[in-house]
C-alpha atoms as a PDB file:
ATOM      1  CA  MET A   1     -10.437  81.362  18.278  1.00  0.00           C
ATOM      2  CA  LEU A   2      -8.657  78.019  18.531  1.00  0.00           C
ATOM      3  CA  SER A   3      -8.138  77.760  14.781  1.00  0.00           C
ATOM      4  CA  SER A   4      -6.191  81.022  14.734  1.00  0.00           C
ATOM      5  CA  ILE A   5      -3.468  79.807  17.140  1.00  0.00           C
ATOM      6  CA  PRO A   6      -0.312  78.720  15.268  1.00  0.00           C
ATOM      7  CA  LEU A   7       0.247  75.098  16.237  1.00  0.00           C
ATOM      8  CA  LYS A   8       4.016  75.559  16.443  1.00  0.00           C
ATOM      9  CA  GLN A   9       3.475  77.868  19.445  1.00  0.00           C
ATOM     10  CA  ILE A  10       1.826  75.143  21.539  1.00  0.00           C
ATOM     11  CA  LEU A  11       3.696  72.754  23.821  1.00  0.00           C
ATOM     12  CA  PHE A  12       1.398  69.905  24.867  1.00  0.00           C
ATOM     13  CA  LEU A  13       2.287  68.148  28.109  1.00  0.00           C
ATOM     14  CA  ASP A  14       1.281  65.536  30.641  1.00  0.00           C
ATOM     15  CA  LEU A  15       2.606  64.624  34.102  1.00  0.00           C
ATOM     16  CA  GLU A  16       2.804  61.331  35.953  1.00  0.00           C
ATOM     17  CA  THR A  17       3.128  61.677  39.715  1.00  0.00           C
ATOM     18  CA  VAL A  18       3.485  59.354  42.707  1.00  0.00           C
ATOM     19  CA  PRO A  19       3.647  59.694  46.520  1.00  0.00           C
ATOM     20  CA  GLN A  20       7.061  60.896  47.672  1.00  0.00           C
ATOM     21  CA  HIS A  21       7.518  57.718  49.745  1.00  0.00           C
ATOM     22  CA  GLU A  22       6.537  54.159  49.013  1.00  0.00           C
ATOM     23  CA  ASN A  23       5.681  53.334  52.616  1.00  0.00           C
ATOM     24  CA  TRP A  24       3.682  55.297  55.187  1.00  0.00           C
ATOM     25  CA  ASN A  25       6.287  54.524  57.866  1.00  0.00           C
ATOM     26  CA  GLU A  26       8.929  56.416  55.893  1.00  0.00           C
ATOM     27  CA  LEU A  27       7.098  59.691  56.577  1.00  0.00           C
ATOM     28  CA  SER A  28       8.198  61.829  59.507  1.00  0.00           C
ATOM     29  CA  GLU A  29       5.715  62.216  62.355  1.00  0.00           C
ATOM     30  CA  ARG A  30       5.170  65.858  61.408  1.00  0.00           C
ATOM     31  CA  THR A  31       4.439  64.909  57.797  1.00  0.00           C
ATOM     32  CA  LYS A  32       1.907  62.314  58.964  1.00  0.00           C
ATOM     33  CA  VAL A  33       0.119  64.886  61.124  1.00  0.00           C
ATOM     34  CA  LEU A  34       0.085  67.445  58.312  1.00  0.00           C
ATOM     35  CA  TRP A  35      -1.215  64.855  55.852  1.00  0.00           C
ATOM     36  CA  GLU A  36      -4.016  63.928  58.245  1.00  0.00           C
ATOM     37  CA  LYS A  37      -4.999  67.592  58.609  1.00  0.00           C
ATOM     38  CA  LYS A  38      -4.742  68.277  54.888  1.00  0.00           C
ATOM     39  CA  THR A  39      -7.051  65.384  53.981  1.00  0.00           C
ATOM     40  CA  GLN A  40      -9.451  65.263  56.935  1.00  0.00           C
ATOM     41  CA  PHE A  41     -12.402  66.605  54.927  1.00  0.00           C
ATOM     42  CA  GLN A  42     -11.641  64.514  51.838  1.00  0.00           C
ATOM     43  CA  ARG A  43     -11.394  61.123  53.513  1.00  0.00           C
ATOM     44  CA  LYS A  44     -14.453  59.002  54.196  1.00  0.00           C
ATOM     45  CA  GLU A  45     -14.993  58.113  57.839  1.00  0.00           C
ATOM     46  CA  ASN A  46     -13.770  54.547  57.419  1.00  0.00           C
ATOM     47  CA  VAL A  47     -10.596  55.515  55.474  1.00  0.00           C
ATOM     48  CA  SER A  48      -7.463  56.029  57.562  1.00  0.00           C
ATOM     49  CA  PRO A  49      -4.814  58.668  56.749  1.00  0.00           C
ATOM     50  CA  GLU A  50      -2.428  55.825  55.860  1.00  0.00           C
ATOM     51  CA  GLU A  51      -4.865  54.223  53.410  1.00  0.00           C
ATOM     52  CA  TYR A  52      -5.621  57.587  51.846  1.00  0.00           C
ATOM     53  CA  TYR A  53      -1.902  58.342  51.493  1.00  0.00           C
ATOM     54  CA  TYR A  54      -1.398  55.393  49.164  1.00  0.00           C
ATOM     55  CA  GLU A  55      -4.492  56.363  47.222  1.00  0.00           C
ATOM     56  CA  ARG A  56      -4.100  60.144  46.824  1.00  0.00           C
ATOM     57  CA  ALA A  57      -0.703  61.470  47.935  1.00  0.00           C
ATOM     58  CA  GLY A  58       0.635  61.475  44.388  1.00  0.00           C
ATOM     59  CA  ILE A  59      -1.842  64.106  43.207  1.00  0.00           C
ATOM     60  CA  LEU A  60      -1.127  66.577  46.022  1.00  0.00           C
ATOM     61  CA  SER A  61       2.009  68.557  45.234  1.00  0.00           C
ATOM     62  CA  GLU A  62       3.026  68.906  48.888  1.00  0.00           C
ATOM     63  CA  PHE A  63       3.184  65.128  49.297  1.00  0.00           C
ATOM     64  CA  GLY A  64       3.819  63.838  45.772  1.00  0.00           C
ATOM     65  CA  LYS A  65       6.542  64.088  43.134  1.00  0.00           C
ATOM     66  CA  ILE A  66       6.842  64.071  39.356  1.00  0.00           C
ATOM     67  CA  ILE A  67       8.427  60.971  37.842  1.00  0.00           C
ATOM     68  CA  CYS A  68       7.606  61.643  34.190  1.00  0.00           C
ATOM     69  CA  LEU A  69       6.918  64.777  32.158  1.00  0.00           C
ATOM     70  CA  SER A  70       6.159  64.196  28.483  1.00  0.00           C
ATOM     71  CA  CYS A  71       5.946  67.031  25.969  1.00  0.00           C
ATOM     72  CA  GLY A  72       4.595  67.061  22.447  1.00  0.00           C
ATOM     73  CA  LEU A  73       4.945  69.358  19.441  1.00  0.00           C
ATOM     74  CA  ILE A  74       3.262  69.358  16.062  1.00  0.00           C
ATOM     75  CA  ILE A  75       5.967  69.489  13.399  1.00  0.00           C
ATOM     76  CA  GLU A  76       4.999  71.292  10.182  1.00  0.00           C
ATOM     77  CA  ASP A  77       1.326  70.378  10.765  1.00  0.00           C
ATOM     78  CA  LYS A  78       2.120  66.775   9.819  1.00  0.00           C
ATOM     79  CA  LYS A  79       3.662  64.770  12.657  1.00  0.00           C
ATOM     80  CA  ILE A  80       3.825  64.684  16.458  1.00  0.00           C
ATOM     81  CA  ARG A  81       7.241  64.935  18.087  1.00  0.00           C
ATOM     82  CA  ILE A  82       7.514  63.715  21.688  1.00  0.00           C
ATOM     83  CA  LYS A  83      10.196  64.326  24.300  1.00  0.00           C
ATOM     84  CA  SER A  84      10.034  62.891  27.816  1.00  0.00           C
ATOM     85  CA  PHE A  85      11.851  63.763  31.011  1.00  0.00           C
ATOM     86  CA  TYR A  86      11.590  60.921  33.491  1.00  0.00           C
ATOM     87  CA  GLY A  87      13.372  59.141  36.310  1.00  0.00           C
ATOM     88  CA  ASP A  88      13.779  58.980  40.083  1.00  0.00           C
ATOM     89  CA  HIS A  89      15.211  62.499  40.456  1.00  0.00           C
ATOM     90  CA  GLU A  90      12.411  65.031  40.214  1.00  0.00           C
ATOM     91  CA  GLU A  91      14.717  68.031  40.440  1.00  0.00           C
ATOM     92  CA  LYS A  92      16.600  66.861  37.343  1.00  0.00           C
ATOM     93  CA  ILE A  93      13.304  66.441  35.449  1.00  0.00           C
ATOM     94  CA  LEU A  94      12.236  69.983  36.320  1.00  0.00           C
ATOM     95  CA  ILE A  95      15.610  71.545  35.479  1.00  0.00           C
ATOM     96  CA  GLU A  96      15.698  69.837  32.079  1.00  0.00           C
ATOM     97  CA  PHE A  97      12.128  70.903  31.345  1.00  0.00           C
ATOM     98  CA  ASN A  98      13.043  74.473  32.291  1.00  0.00           C
ATOM     99  CA  GLU A  99      15.973  74.345  29.890  1.00  0.00           C
ATOM    100  CA  LEU A 100      13.611  73.236  27.120  1.00  0.00           C
ATOM    101  CA  LEU A 101      11.374  76.252  27.765  1.00  0.00           C
ATOM    102  CA  LYS A 102      14.395  78.553  27.548  1.00  0.00           C
ATOM    103  CA  SER A 103      15.527  77.141  24.209  1.00  0.00           C
ATOM    104  CA  ASN A 104      15.450  79.268  21.052  1.00  0.00           C
ATOM    105  CA  TYR A 105      12.406  77.394  19.778  1.00  0.00           C
ATOM    106  CA  PHE A 106      10.260  78.874  22.549  1.00  0.00           C
ATOM    107  CA  LYS A 107      11.648  82.390  22.728  1.00  0.00           C
ATOM    108  CA  SER A 108       8.248  84.045  22.291  1.00  0.00           C
ATOM    109  CA  ASN A 109       4.506  83.395  22.271  1.00  0.00           C
ATOM    110  CA  LEU A 110       4.763  79.939  23.857  1.00  0.00           C
ATOM    111  CA  ILE A 111       1.455  78.383  24.931  1.00  0.00           C
ATOM    112  CA  LEU A 112       1.170  75.367  27.255  1.00  0.00           C
ATOM    113  CA  CYS A 113      -1.668  72.892  26.764  1.00  0.00           C
ATOM    114  CA  ALA A 114      -2.751  70.023  29.030  1.00  0.00           C
ATOM    115  CA  HIS A 115      -5.943  68.200  29.942  1.00  0.00           C
ATOM    116  CA  ASN A 116      -7.117  69.549  33.302  1.00  0.00           C
ATOM    117  CA  GLY A 117      -3.889  71.548  33.200  1.00  0.00           C
ATOM    118  CA  LYS A 118      -5.296  74.581  35.004  1.00  0.00           C
ATOM    119  CA  GLU A 119      -6.321  72.480  37.998  1.00  0.00           C
ATOM    120  CA  PHE A 120      -3.446  70.002  38.017  1.00  0.00           C
ATOM    121  CA  ASP A 121      -0.447  70.038  35.647  1.00  0.00           C
ATOM    122  CA  PHE A 122       0.409  73.757  35.631  1.00  0.00           C
ATOM    123  CA  PRO A 123       0.095  74.454  39.393  1.00  0.00           C
ATOM    124  CA  TYR A 124       1.754  71.118  40.228  1.00  0.00           C
ATOM    125  CA  LEU A 125       4.748  72.011  38.074  1.00  0.00           C
ATOM    126  CA  ALA A 126       5.032  75.485  39.587  1.00  0.00           C
ATOM    127  CA  ARG A 127       4.771  74.251  43.180  1.00  0.00           C
ATOM    128  CA  ARG A 128       7.327  71.480  42.739  1.00  0.00           C
ATOM    129  CA  MET A 129       9.748  73.913  41.076  1.00  0.00           C
ATOM    130  CA  MET A 130       9.344  76.313  43.971  1.00  0.00           C
ATOM    131  CA  ILE A 131       9.904  73.523  46.506  1.00  0.00           C
ATOM    132  CA  HIS A 132      13.169  72.658  44.731  1.00  0.00           C
ATOM    133  CA  GLN A 133      14.011  76.391  44.550  1.00  0.00           C
ATOM    134  CA  ILE A 134      14.062  76.331  40.751  1.00  0.00           C
ATOM    135  CA  GLU A 135      13.234  79.720  39.276  1.00  0.00           C
ATOM    136  CA  LEU A 136       9.822  79.603  37.656  1.00  0.00           C
ATOM    137  CA  PRO A 137       9.744  80.065  33.889  1.00  0.00           C
ATOM    138  CA  LYS A 138       7.804  83.117  32.801  1.00  0.00           C
ATOM    139  CA  ILE A 139       4.910  81.047  31.489  1.00  0.00           C
ATOM    140  CA  LEU A 140       4.227  79.622  34.969  1.00  0.00           C
ATOM    141  CA  ARG A 141       4.373  82.990  36.749  1.00  0.00           C
ATOM    142  CA  LEU A 142       0.714  83.933  37.035  1.00  0.00           C
ATOM    143  CA  HIS A 143       0.791  86.517  39.820  1.00  0.00           C
ATOM    144  CA  GLY A 144      -0.477  89.895  38.657  1.00  0.00           C
ATOM    145  CA  LYS A 145      -1.461  88.667  35.202  1.00  0.00           C
ATOM    146  CA  LYS A 146      -4.870  89.268  33.719  1.00  0.00           C
ATOM    147  CA  PRO A 147      -6.747  86.127  32.588  1.00  0.00           C
ATOM    148  CA  TRP A 148      -6.162  86.873  28.892  1.00  0.00           C
ATOM    149  CA  GLU A 149      -2.416  87.269  29.524  1.00  0.00           C
ATOM    150  CA  ILE A 150      -2.039  83.685  30.764  1.00  0.00           C
ATOM    151  CA  GLN A 151      -0.739  81.487  27.934  1.00  0.00           C
ATOM    152  CA  HIS A 152      -2.396  78.258  29.046  1.00  0.00           C
ATOM    153  CA  LEU A 153      -4.852  76.023  27.195  1.00  0.00           C
ATOM    154  CA  ASP A 154      -6.849  73.274  28.885  1.00  0.00           C
ATOM    155  CA  THR A 155      -8.811  70.788  26.773  1.00  0.00           C
ATOM    156  CA  MET A 156     -11.079  69.944  29.691  1.00  0.00           C
ATOM    157  CA  ASP A 157     -11.833  73.634  30.185  1.00  0.00           C
ATOM    158  CA  LEU A 158     -12.470  74.054  26.462  1.00  0.00           C
ATOM    159  CA  TRP A 159     -14.916  71.153  26.540  1.00  0.00           C
ATOM    160  CA  LYS A 160     -16.945  72.709  29.376  1.00  0.00           C
ATOM    161  CA  PHE A 161     -18.258  75.618  27.284  1.00  0.00           C
ATOM    162  CA  GLY A 162     -18.946  77.468  30.536  1.00  0.00           C
ATOM    163  CA  ASP A 163     -20.364  74.410  32.352  1.00  0.00           C
ATOM    164  CA  TYR A 164     -18.632  73.955  35.731  1.00  0.00           C
ATOM    165  CA  LYS A 165     -20.503  70.897  36.980  1.00  0.00           C
ATOM    166  CA  HIS A 166     -18.549  67.959  35.609  1.00  0.00           C
ATOM    167  CA  TYR A 167     -15.053  66.551  35.192  1.00  0.00           C
ATOM    168  CA  THR A 168     -14.521  64.960  31.773  1.00  0.00           C
ATOM    169  CA  SER A 169     -11.564  62.597  31.420  1.00  0.00           C
ATOM    170  CA  LEU A 170      -9.172  62.560  28.485  1.00  0.00           C
ATOM    171  CA  ASP A 171     -10.156  58.929  27.941  1.00  0.00           C
ATOM    172  CA  LEU A 172     -13.830  59.887  27.576  1.00  0.00           C
ATOM    173  CA  LEU A 173     -13.016  62.712  25.163  1.00  0.00           C
ATOM    174  CA  SER A 174     -10.869  60.376  23.068  1.00  0.00           C
ATOM    175  CA  HIS A 175     -13.838  58.002  22.922  1.00  0.00           C
ATOM    176  CA  VAL A 176     -16.428  60.575  21.844  1.00  0.00           C
ATOM    177  CA  PHE A 177     -14.050  61.833  19.154  1.00  0.00           C
ATOM    178  CA  GLY A 178     -13.452  58.297  17.872  1.00  0.00           C
ATOM    179  CA  LEU A 179      -9.804  58.142  18.961  1.00  0.00           C
ATOM    180  CA  PRO A 180      -7.970  55.116  20.412  1.00  0.00           C
ATOM    181  CA  SER A 181      -7.950  54.950  24.202  1.00  0.00           C
ATOM    182  CA  PRO A 182      -4.657  56.064  25.808  1.00  0.00           C
ATOM    183  CA  LYS A 183      -5.486  53.795  28.774  1.00  0.00           C
ATOM    184  CA  ASP A 184      -5.291  50.386  27.109  1.00  0.00           C
ATOM    185  CA  ASP A 185      -2.166  49.309  28.997  1.00  0.00           C
ATOM    186  CA  MET A 186      -2.749  51.002  32.368  1.00  0.00           C
ATOM    187  CA  ASN A 187      -4.492  53.931  34.009  1.00  0.00           C
ATOM    188  CA  GLY A 188      -3.476  56.701  36.380  1.00  0.00           C
ATOM    189  CA  SER A 189      -4.370  54.760  39.532  1.00  0.00           C
ATOM    190  CA  GLU A 190      -1.765  52.117  38.649  1.00  0.00           C
ATOM    191  CA  VAL A 191       1.205  54.456  38.173  1.00  0.00           C
ATOM    192  CA  SER A 192       2.414  54.287  41.804  1.00  0.00           C
ATOM    193  CA  GLU A 193       2.399  50.493  41.827  1.00  0.00           C
ATOM    194  CA  VAL A 194       4.189  50.277  38.478  1.00  0.00           C
ATOM    195  CA  TYR A 195       6.778  52.739  39.798  1.00  0.00           C
ATOM    196  CA  TYR A 196       7.383  51.387  43.310  1.00  0.00           C
ATOM    197  CA  LYS A 197       6.557  47.682  42.938  1.00  0.00           C
ATOM    198  CA  ASP A 198       7.424  46.902  39.319  1.00  0.00           C
ATOM    199  CA  LYS A 199      10.090  49.628  39.012  1.00  0.00           C
ATOM    200  CA  ASN A 200       9.109  50.010  35.364  1.00  0.00           C
ATOM    201  CA  LEU A 201       9.716  53.622  34.407  1.00  0.00           C
ATOM    202  CA  GLU A 202       9.755  52.801  30.709  1.00  0.00           C
ATOM    203  CA  ARG A 203       6.171  51.577  30.899  1.00  0.00           C
ATOM    204  CA  ILE A 204       5.158  54.781  32.691  1.00  0.00           C
ATOM    205  CA  LYS A 205       6.951  56.884  30.081  1.00  0.00           C
ATOM    206  CA  THR A 206       5.092  55.104  27.264  1.00  0.00           C
ATOM    207  CA  TYR A 207       1.790  55.622  29.078  1.00  0.00           C
ATOM    208  CA  CYS A 208       2.536  59.329  29.574  1.00  0.00           C
ATOM    209  CA  GLU A 209       3.554  59.785  25.930  1.00  0.00           C
ATOM    210  CA  ASN A 210       0.348  58.111  24.751  1.00  0.00           C
ATOM    211  CA  ASP A 211      -1.617  60.605  26.830  1.00  0.00           C
ATOM    212  CA  VAL A 212       0.187  63.468  25.086  1.00  0.00           C
ATOM    213  CA  ILE A 213      -0.549  62.024  21.634  1.00  0.00           C
ATOM    214  CA  THR A 214      -4.220  61.684  22.600  1.00  0.00           C
ATOM    215  CA  LEU A 215      -4.235  65.207  24.035  1.00  0.00           C
ATOM    216  CA  ILE A 216      -2.909  66.593  20.753  1.00  0.00           C
ATOM    217  CA  ASN A 217      -5.453  64.750  18.669  1.00  0.00           C
ATOM    218  CA  VAL A 218      -8.337  65.763  20.939  1.00  0.00           C
ATOM    219  CA  PHE A 219      -7.183  69.356  20.493  1.00  0.00           C
ATOM    220  CA  ARG A 220      -7.013  68.792  16.736  1.00  0.00           C
ATOM    221  CA  LYS A 221     -10.589  67.519  16.767  1.00  0.00           C
ATOM    222  CA  MET A 222     -11.654  70.637  18.654  1.00  0.00           C
ATOM    223  CA  ARG A 223     -10.184  72.623  15.752  1.00  0.00           C
ATOM    224  CA  TYR A 224     -11.963  70.389  13.195  1.00  0.00           C
ATOM    225  CA  GLU A 225      -8.612  69.071  11.974  1.00  0.00           C
ATOM    226  CA  SER A 226      -7.393  65.625  11.044  1.00  0.00           C
ATOM    227  CA  VAL A 227      -5.672  63.214  13.430  1.00  0.00           C
ATOM    228  CA  LEU A 228      -1.866  63.100  13.390  1.00  0.00           C
ATOM    229  CA  GLU A 229       0.578  60.277  14.082  1.00  0.00           C
ATOM    230  CA  ARG A 230       3.867  60.284  15.928  1.00  0.00           C
ATOM    231  CA  GLU A 231       6.934  60.883  13.758  1.00  0.00           C
END
């Protein structure tokens, strides 16, 4: 049961991702062809591969990159501690995150928690690490593991209660639980523009950290526990 998991074992996280290139013309011809093939069944008839690249490339790990990774811990059941890895160099973000996972604090029984983490955050992290030839941490190595051996929690999955029909956003869950919206300043569709046009990584970091705080408090609500504030 959720209430039996020691909170100090859980590392809550959220990713912000963008297309690897700001402009379609920066892509090699081979990349353009592969993008068109990859997305041919997802695009509407009137949407070109170029238009769809700007819209969706950030969420596909083969064509996107991580620009911010925020992590949260609950300290002594009283406060939320946040640490963010962010910047223009994805490899550096992933290496530093890996070093965090190897620290003494997480030597055993670590659990990762994200919203829609099983479909997005966890596989995205693993794929981008592999692309950069960074050795996967044990917690992201899923091959050969039985479902109950995988130390991942997903608040969207928990909310489904076996129902596979609908996606439920973190913003909607925060609303039904009476929590402040993490999307007051911006939303996920604006991240690429804020990164490439405004060049405002600090704003993206704040947005990502707010998502982690909301994630933690949604999880707390699922355990029938009180809301916590950032230290």
